[in-house]
């Protein structure tokens, strides 16, 4: 599964997306766990809840949401205004 990264997350990894091997069907909690195990630079952000997730361009707050390899998943830090 291709997972898109934005803003600070993209900068920390140095890539616009990462490829993750994910059993199907799966959920966001599993995806976040696999990412944390394989990308230590993102682990602290994910575990602290400082990562927002979108599935198919819709913000998702439920880590039990089911995802498949056909879904578009994006991770990004919380937005701030000025």
PDB file of N, CA and C in Angstrom:
ATOM      1  N   UNK A   1       0.842  -1.165   0.000  1.00  0.00           N
ATOM      2  CA  UNK A   1       0.000   0.000   0.000  1.00  0.00           C
ATOM      3  C   UNK A   1       0.892   1.234   0.000  1.00  0.00           C
ATOM      4  N   UNK A   2       0.542   2.188  -0.823  1.00  0.00           N
ATOM      5  CA  UNK A   2       1.260   3.457  -0.873  1.00  0.00           C
ATOM      6  C   UNK A   2       0.588   4.430   0.096  1.00  0.00           C
ATOM      7  N   UNK A   3       1.389   4.980   1.013  1.00  0.00           N
ATOM      8  CA  UNK A   3       0.891   5.932   2.001  1.00  0.00           C
ATOM      9  C   UNK A   3       1.567   7.273   1.736  1.00  0.00           C
ATOM     10  N   UNK A   4       0.770   8.289   1.471  1.00  0.00           N
ATOM     11  CA  UNK A   4       1.315   9.616   1.181  1.00  0.00           C
ATOM     12  C   UNK A   4       1.635  10.351   2.478  1.00  0.00           C
ATOM     13  N   UNK A   5       2.730  11.107   2.443  1.00  0.00           N
ATOM     14  CA  UNK A   5       3.160  11.896   3.598  1.00  0.00           C
ATOM     15  C   UNK A   5       3.156  13.367   3.235  1.00  0.00           C
ATOM     16  N   UNK A   6       2.773  14.199   4.188  1.00  0.00           N
ATOM     17  CA  UNK A   6       2.713  15.631   3.928  1.00  0.00           C
ATOM     18  C   UNK A   6       3.433  16.416   5.020  1.00  0.00           C
ATOM     19  N   UNK A   7       3.855  17.621   4.643  1.00  0.00           N
ATOM     20  CA  UNK A   7       4.443  18.611   5.556  1.00  0.00           C
ATOM     21  C   UNK A   7       5.621  18.029   6.328  1.00  0.00           C
ATOM     22  N   UNK A   8       5.619  18.212   7.639  1.00  0.00           N
ATOM     23  CA  UNK A   8       6.739  17.798   8.491  1.00  0.00           C
ATOM     24  C   UNK A   8       7.031  16.301   8.369  1.00  0.00           C
ATOM     25  N   UNK A   9       6.005  15.475   8.198  1.00  0.00           N
ATOM     26  CA  UNK A   9       6.211  14.031   8.083  1.00  0.00           C
ATOM     27  C   UNK A   9       7.002  13.698   6.824  1.00  0.00           C
ATOM     28  N   UNK A  10       6.663  14.346   5.734  1.00  0.00           N
ATOM     29  CA  UNK A  10       7.391  14.164   4.476  1.00  0.00           C
ATOM     30  C   UNK A  10       8.835  14.619   4.643  1.00  0.00           C
ATOM     31  N   UNK A  11       9.028  15.747   5.290  1.00  0.00           N
ATOM     32  CA  UNK A  11      10.378  16.280   5.485  1.00  0.00           C
ATOM     33  C   UNK A  11      11.233  15.358   6.352  1.00  0.00           C
ATOM     34  N   UNK A  12      10.651  14.763   7.387  1.00  0.00           N
ATOM     35  CA  UNK A  12      11.402  13.879   8.281  1.00  0.00           C
ATOM     36  C   UNK A  12      11.891  12.630   7.565  1.00  0.00           C
ATOM     37  N   UNK A  13      11.070  12.087   6.680  1.00  0.00           N
ATOM     38  CA  UNK A  13      11.422  10.864   5.959  1.00  0.00           C
ATOM     39  C   UNK A  13      12.176  11.171   4.668  1.00  0.00           C
ATOM     40  N   UNK A  14      11.931  12.338   4.089  1.00  0.00           N
ATOM     41  CA  UNK A  14      12.581  12.699   2.834  1.00  0.00           C
ATOM     42  C   UNK A  14      11.935  12.064   1.614  1.00  0.00           C
ATOM     43  N   UNK A  15      10.679  11.645   1.759  1.00  0.00           N
ATOM     44  CA  UNK A  15       9.931  11.017   0.667  1.00  0.00           C
ATOM     45  C   UNK A  15       8.492  11.529   0.696  1.00  0.00           C
ATOM     46  N   UNK A  16       7.863  11.558  -0.477  1.00  0.00           N
ATOM     47  CA  UNK A  16       6.465  11.982  -0.538  1.00  0.00           C
ATOM     48  C   UNK A  16       5.505  10.837  -0.221  1.00  0.00           C
ATOM     49  N   UNK A  17       5.986   9.599  -0.304  1.00  0.00           N
ATOM     50  CA  UNK A  17       5.162   8.449   0.058  1.00  0.00           C
ATOM     51  C   UNK A  17       6.056   7.311   0.523  1.00  0.00           C
ATOM     52  N   UNK A  18       5.446   6.366   1.235  1.00  0.00           N
ATOM     53  CA  UNK A  18       6.132   5.152   1.650  1.00  0.00           C
ATOM     54  C   UNK A  18       5.280   3.968   1.228  1.00  0.00           C
ATOM     55  N   UNK A  19       5.917   2.843   0.938  1.00  0.00           N
ATOM     56  CA  UNK A  19       5.213   1.611   0.598  1.00  0.00           C
ATOM     57  C   UNK A  19       5.176   0.709   1.822  1.00  0.00           C
ATOM     58  N   UNK A  20       4.001   0.223   2.154  1.00  0.00           N
ATOM     59  CA  UNK A  20       3.801  -0.611   3.336  1.00  0.00           C
ATOM     60  C   UNK A  20       3.142  -1.926   2.918  1.00  0.00           C
ATOM     61  N   UNK A  21       3.704  -3.043   3.396  1.00  0.00           N
ATOM     62  CA  UNK A  21       3.068  -4.351   3.219  1.00  0.00           C
ATOM     63  C   UNK A  21       2.004  -4.480   4.303  1.00  0.00           C
ATOM     64  N   UNK A  22       0.763  -4.613   3.877  1.00  0.00           N
ATOM     65  CA  UNK A  22      -0.346  -4.619   4.825  1.00  0.00           C
ATOM     66  C   UNK A  22      -1.262  -5.802   4.539  1.00  0.00           C
ATOM     67  N   UNK A  23      -1.556  -6.625   5.558  1.00  0.00           N
ATOM     68  CA  UNK A  23      -2.511  -7.709   5.331  1.00  0.00           C
ATOM     69  C   UNK A  23      -3.885  -7.127   5.018  1.00  0.00           C
ATOM     70  N   UNK A  24      -4.644  -7.835   4.190  1.00  0.00           N
ATOM     71  CA  UNK A  24      -5.977  -7.327   3.832  1.00  0.00           C
ATOM     72  C   UNK A  24      -7.055  -8.287   4.290  1.00  0.00           C
ATOM     73  N   UNK A  25      -8.190  -7.774   4.722  1.00  0.00           N
ATOM     74  CA  UNK A  25      -8.403  -6.369   5.054  1.00  0.00           C
ATOM     75  C   UNK A  25      -7.668  -6.026   6.340  1.00  0.00           C
ATOM     76  N   UNK A  26      -7.441  -4.766   6.532  1.00  0.00           N
ATOM     77  CA  UNK A  26      -6.730  -4.303   7.714  1.00  0.00           C
ATOM     78  C   UNK A  26      -7.398  -3.030   8.215  1.00  0.00           C
ATOM     79  N   UNK A  27      -6.799  -2.401   9.228  1.00  0.00           N
ATOM     80  CA  UNK A  27      -7.364  -1.152   9.729  1.00  0.00           C
ATOM     81  C   UNK A  27      -6.251  -0.138   9.970  1.00  0.00           C
ATOM     82  N   UNK A  28      -6.651   1.082  10.291  1.00  0.00           N
ATOM     83  CA  UNK A  28      -5.665   2.146  10.487  1.00  0.00           C
ATOM     84  C   UNK A  28      -4.733   1.858  11.651  1.00  0.00           C
ATOM     85  N   UNK A  29      -5.228   1.230  12.705  1.00  0.00           N
ATOM     86  CA  UNK A  29      -4.374   0.914  13.851  1.00  0.00           C
ATOM     87  C   UNK A  29      -3.226   0.007  13.421  1.00  0.00           C
ATOM     88  N   UNK A  30      -3.518  -0.995  12.600  1.00  0.00           N
ATOM     89  CA  UNK A  30      -2.475  -1.897  12.105  1.00  0.00           C
ATOM     90  C   UNK A  30      -1.500  -1.149  11.221  1.00  0.00           C
ATOM     91  N   UNK A  31      -2.013  -0.310  10.341  1.00  0.00           N
ATOM     92  CA  UNK A  31      -1.145   0.476   9.459  1.00  0.00           C
ATOM     93  C   UNK A  31      -0.204   1.358  10.275  1.00  0.00           C
ATOM     94  N   UNK A  32      -0.741   2.065  11.257  1.00  0.00           N
ATOM     95  CA  UNK A  32       0.090   2.948  12.085  1.00  0.00           C
ATOM     96  C   UNK A  32       1.137   2.160  12.859  1.00  0.00           C
ATOM     97  N   UNK A  33       0.784   0.978  13.319  1.00  0.00           N
ATOM     98  CA  UNK A  33       1.727   0.130  14.041  1.00  0.00           C
ATOM     99  C   UNK A  33       2.876  -0.307  13.132  1.00  0.00           C
ATOM    100  N   UNK A  34       2.554  -0.724  11.918  1.00  0.00           N
ATOM    101  CA  UNK A  34       3.582  -1.154  10.962  1.00  0.00           C
ATOM    102  C   UNK A  34       4.480   0.016  10.586  1.00  0.00           C
ATOM    103  N   UNK A  35       3.890   1.176  10.362  1.00  0.00           N
ATOM    104  CA  UNK A  35       4.695   2.361  10.033  1.00  0.00           C
ATOM    105  C   UNK A  35       5.622   2.700  11.199  1.00  0.00           C
ATOM    106  N   UNK A  36       5.118   2.656  12.418  1.00  0.00           N
ATOM    107  CA  UNK A  36       5.936   2.965  13.596  1.00  0.00           C
ATOM    108  C   UNK A  36       7.109   2.002  13.734  1.00  0.00           C
ATOM    109  N   UNK A  37       6.873   0.723  13.433  1.00  0.00           N
ATOM    110  CA  UNK A  37       7.934  -0.283  13.520  1.00  0.00           C
ATOM    111  C   UNK A  37       9.012  -0.068  12.463  1.00  0.00           C
ATOM    112  N   UNK A  38       8.612   0.401  11.281  1.00  0.00           N
ATOM    113  CA  UNK A  38       9.549   0.504  10.160  1.00  0.00           C
ATOM    114  C   UNK A  38      10.132   1.894   9.943  1.00  0.00           C
ATOM    115  N   UNK A  39       9.517   2.899  10.512  1.00  0.00           N
ATOM    116  CA  UNK A  39       9.975   4.283  10.331  1.00  0.00           C
ATOM    117  C   UNK A  39      10.049   4.956  11.701  1.00  0.00           C
ATOM    118  N   UNK A  40      11.171   4.781  12.362  1.00  0.00           N
ATOM    119  CA  UNK A  40      11.324   5.289  13.730  1.00  0.00           C
ATOM    120  C   UNK A  40      11.147   6.804  13.811  1.00  0.00           C
ATOM    121  N   UNK A  41      11.452   7.514  12.721  1.00  0.00           N
ATOM    122  CA  UNK A  41      11.281   8.965  12.731  1.00  0.00           C
ATOM    123  C   UNK A  41       9.810   9.372  12.837  1.00  0.00           C
ATOM    124  N   UNK A  42       8.920   8.491  12.419  1.00  0.00           N
ATOM    125  CA  UNK A  42       7.486   8.782  12.498  1.00  0.00           C
ATOM    126  C   UNK A  42       6.836   8.195  13.746  1.00  0.00           C
ATOM    127  N   UNK A  43       7.500   7.241  14.385  1.00  0.00           N
ATOM    128  CA  UNK A  43       6.901   6.514  15.508  1.00  0.00           C
ATOM    129  C   UNK A  43       6.450   7.439  16.637  1.00  0.00           C
ATOM    130  N   UNK A  44       7.294   8.375  17.043  1.00  0.00           N
ATOM    131  CA  UNK A  44       6.933   9.276  18.146  1.00  0.00           C
ATOM    132  C   UNK A  44       5.707  10.109  17.809  1.00  0.00           C
ATOM    133  N   UNK A  45       5.658  10.615  16.577  1.00  0.00           N
ATOM    134  CA  UNK A  45       4.522  11.437  16.147  1.00  0.00           C
ATOM    135  C   UNK A  45       3.228  10.620  16.166  1.00  0.00           C
ATOM    136  N   UNK A  46       3.291   9.407  15.635  1.00  0.00           N
ATOM    137  CA  UNK A  46       2.109   8.546  15.568  1.00  0.00           C
ATOM    138  C   UNK A  46       1.652   8.155  16.970  1.00  0.00           C
ATOM    139  N   UNK A  47       2.584   7.704  17.803  1.00  0.00           N
ATOM    140  CA  UNK A  47       2.227   7.240  19.145  1.00  0.00           C
ATOM    141  C   UNK A  47       1.714   8.368  20.032  1.00  0.00           C
ATOM    142  N   UNK A  48       2.160   9.590  19.777  1.00  0.00           N
ATOM    143  CA  UNK A  48       1.689  10.737  20.560  1.00  0.00           C
ATOM    144  C   UNK A  48       0.369  11.296  20.031  1.00  0.00           C
ATOM    145  N   UNK A  49      -0.146  10.717  18.946  1.00  0.00           N
ATOM    146  CA  UNK A  49      -1.405  11.186  18.381  1.00  0.00           C
ATOM    147  C   UNK A  49      -1.284  12.483  17.611  1.00  0.00           C
ATOM    148  N   UNK A  50      -0.070  12.790  17.140  1.00  0.00           N
ATOM    149  CA  UNK A  50       0.157  14.031  16.398  1.00  0.00           C
ATOM    150  C   UNK A  50       0.144  13.810  14.889  1.00  0.00           C
ATOM    151  N   UNK A  51      -0.579  12.786  14.446  1.00  0.00           N
ATOM    152  CA  UNK A  51      -0.692  12.494  13.021  1.00  0.00           C
ATOM    153  C   UNK A  51      -2.168  12.359  12.672  1.00  0.00           C
ATOM    154  N   UNK A  52      -2.604  13.104  11.681  1.00  0.00           N
ATOM    155  CA  UNK A  52      -3.964  12.973  11.158  1.00  0.00           C
ATOM    156  C   UNK A  52      -3.925  12.019   9.980  1.00  0.00           C
ATOM    157  N   UNK A  53      -5.030  11.326   9.761  1.00  0.00           N
ATOM    158  CA  UNK A  53      -5.103  10.345   8.687  1.00  0.00           C
ATOM    159  C   UNK A  53      -6.310  10.631   7.810  1.00  0.00           C
ATOM    160  N   UNK A  54      -6.093  10.541   6.508  1.00  0.00           N
ATOM    161  CA  UNK A  54      -7.194  10.644   5.552  1.00  0.00           C
ATOM    162  C   UNK A  54      -7.243   9.356   4.739  1.00  0.00           C
ATOM    163  N   UNK A  55      -8.451   8.860   4.540  1.00  0.00           N
ATOM    164  CA  UNK A  55      -8.677   7.704   3.672  1.00  0.00           C
ATOM    165  C   UNK A  55      -9.516   8.191   2.512  1.00  0.00           C
ATOM    166  N   UNK A  56      -8.991   8.030   1.310  1.00  0.00           N
ATOM    167  CA  UNK A  56      -9.689   8.481   0.108  1.00  0.00           C
ATOM    168  C   UNK A  56     -10.120   9.941   0.235  1.00  0.00           C
ATOM    169  N   UNK A  57      -9.213  10.753   0.749  1.00  0.00           N
ATOM    170  CA  UNK A  57      -9.363  12.204   0.882  1.00  0.00           C
ATOM    171  C   UNK A  57     -10.433  12.635   1.887  1.00  0.00           C
ATOM    172  N   UNK A  58     -10.754  11.742   2.827  1.00  0.00           N
ATOM    173  CA  UNK A  58     -11.700  12.068   3.895  1.00  0.00           C
ATOM    174  C   UNK A  58     -10.988  11.853   5.228  1.00  0.00           C
ATOM    175  N   UNK A  59     -10.959  12.885   6.064  1.00  0.00           N
ATOM    176  CA  UNK A  59     -10.308  12.799   7.364  1.00  0.00           C
ATOM    177  C   UNK A  59     -10.955  11.697   8.197  1.00  0.00           C
ATOM    178  N   UNK A  60     -10.136  10.852   8.788  1.00  0.00           N
ATOM    179  CA  UNK A  60     -10.645   9.713   9.546  1.00  0.00           C
ATOM    180  C   UNK A  60     -10.053   9.723  10.954  1.00  0.00           C
ATOM    181  N   UNK A  61     -10.918   9.647  11.958  1.00  0.00           N
ATOM    182  CA  UNK A  61     -10.473   9.657  13.353  1.00  0.00           C
ATOM    183  C   UNK A  61     -10.593   8.288  14.013  1.00  0.00           C
ATOM    184  N   UNK A  62     -11.106   7.309  13.299  1.00  0.00           N
ATOM    185  CA  UNK A  62     -11.353   5.982  13.865  1.00  0.00           C
ATOM    186  C   UNK A  62     -10.264   5.013  13.427  1.00  0.00           C
ATOM    187  N   UNK A  63      -9.384   4.620  14.353  1.00  0.00           N
ATOM    188  CA  UNK A  63      -8.294   3.705  14.014  1.00  0.00           C
ATOM    189  C   UNK A  63      -8.784   2.309  13.654  1.00  0.00           C
ATOM    190  N   UNK A  64     -10.052   2.015  13.877  1.00  0.00           N
ATOM    191  CA  UNK A  64     -10.594   0.712  13.502  1.00  0.00           C
ATOM    192  C   UNK A  64     -11.177   0.723  12.089  1.00  0.00           C
ATOM    193  N   UNK A  65     -11.075   1.854  11.391  1.00  0.00           N
ATOM    194  CA  UNK A  65     -11.569   1.942  10.012  1.00  0.00           C
ATOM    195  C   UNK A  65     -10.829   0.949   9.131  1.00  0.00           C
ATOM    196  N   UNK A  66     -11.584   0.193   8.357  1.00  0.00           N
ATOM    197  CA  UNK A  66     -11.010  -0.830   7.482  1.00  0.00           C
ATOM    198  C   UNK A  66     -10.420  -0.172   6.245  1.00  0.00           C
ATOM    199  N   UNK A  67      -9.221  -0.639   5.858  1.00  0.00           N
ATOM    200  CA  UNK A  67      -8.565  -0.141   4.651  1.00  0.00           C
ATOM    201  C   UNK A  67      -8.061  -1.319   3.829  1.00  0.00           C
ATOM    202  N   UNK A  68      -7.957  -1.086   2.521  1.00  0.00           N
ATOM    203  CA  UNK A  68      -7.393  -2.075   1.602  1.00  0.00           C
ATOM    204  C   UNK A  68      -6.348  -1.387   0.735  1.00  0.00           C
ATOM    205  N   UNK A  69      -5.649  -2.168  -0.060  1.00  0.00           N
ATOM    206  CA  UNK A  69      -4.608  -1.603  -0.925  1.00  0.00           C
ATOM    207  C   UNK A  69      -5.187  -0.675  -1.986  1.00  0.00           C
ATOM    208  N   UNK A  70      -6.490  -0.752  -2.233  1.00  0.00           N
ATOM    209  CA  UNK A  70      -7.127   0.124  -3.217  1.00  0.00           C
ATOM    210  C   UNK A  70      -7.389   1.523  -2.661  1.00  0.00           C
ATOM    211  N   UNK A  71      -7.300   1.677  -1.346  1.00  0.00           N
ATOM    212  CA  UNK A  71      -7.565   2.974  -0.719  1.00  0.00           C
ATOM    213  C   UNK A  71      -6.367   3.904  -0.828  1.00  0.00           C
ATOM    214  N   UNK A  72      -6.658   5.195  -0.885  1.00  0.00           N
ATOM    215  CA  UNK A  72      -5.621   6.221  -0.830  1.00  0.00           C
ATOM    216  C   UNK A  72      -5.520   6.670   0.626  1.00  0.00           C
ATOM    217  N   UNK A  73      -4.357   6.467   1.226  1.00  0.00           N
ATOM    218  CA  UNK A  73      -4.154   6.844   2.624  1.00  0.00           C
ATOM    219  C   UNK A  73      -3.103   7.939   2.685  1.00  0.00           C
ATOM    220  N   UNK A  74      -3.376   8.962   3.477  1.00  0.00           N
ATOM    221  CA  UNK A  74      -2.439  10.073   3.642  1.00  0.00           C
ATOM    222  C   UNK A  74      -2.261  10.364   5.126  1.00  0.00           C
ATOM    223  N   UNK A  75      -1.024  10.660   5.500  1.00  0.00           N
ATOM    224  CA  UNK A  75      -0.702  11.050   6.873  1.00  0.00           C
ATOM    225  C   UNK A  75      -0.170  12.468   6.862  1.00  0.00           C
ATOM    226  N   UNK A  76      -0.624  13.270   7.822  1.00  0.00           N
ATOM    227  CA  UNK A  76      -0.131  14.641   7.899  1.00  0.00           C
ATOM    228  C   UNK A  76      -0.263  15.146   9.333  1.00  0.00           C
ATOM    229  N   UNK A  77       0.561  16.121   9.704  1.00  0.00           N
ATOM    230  CA  UNK A  77       0.470  16.676  11.055  1.00  0.00           C
ATOM    231  C   UNK A  77      -0.766  17.559  11.176  1.00  0.00           C
ATOM    232  N   UNK A  78      -1.208  17.816  12.408  1.00  0.00           N
ATOM    233  CA  UNK A  78      -2.349  18.720  12.587  1.00  0.00           C
ATOM    234  C   UNK A  78      -2.068  20.075  11.946  1.00  0.00           C
ATOM    235  N   UNK A  79      -3.100  20.655  11.377  1.00  0.00           N
ATOM    236  CA  UNK A  79      -2.953  21.949  10.722  1.00  0.00           C
ATOM    237  C   UNK A  79      -3.041  23.062  11.752  1.00  0.00           C
ATOM    238  N   UNK A  80      -2.310  24.110  11.494  1.00  0.00           N
ATOM    239  CA  UNK A  80      -2.370  25.280  12.363  1.00  0.00           C
ATOM    240  C   UNK A  80      -2.679  26.497  11.519  1.00  0.00           C
ATOM    241  N   UNK A  81      -3.221  27.480  12.134  1.00  0.00           N
ATOM    242  CA  UNK A  81      -3.560  28.706  11.411  1.00  0.00           C
ATOM    243  C   UNK A  81      -2.720  29.865  11.902  1.00  0.00           C
ATOM    244  N   UNK A  82      -2.825  30.939  11.180  1.00  0.00           N
ATOM    245  CA  UNK A  82      -2.033  32.080  11.589  1.00  0.00           C
ATOM    246  C   UNK A  82      -2.760  33.370  11.348  1.00  0.00           C
TER     247      UNK A  82
END
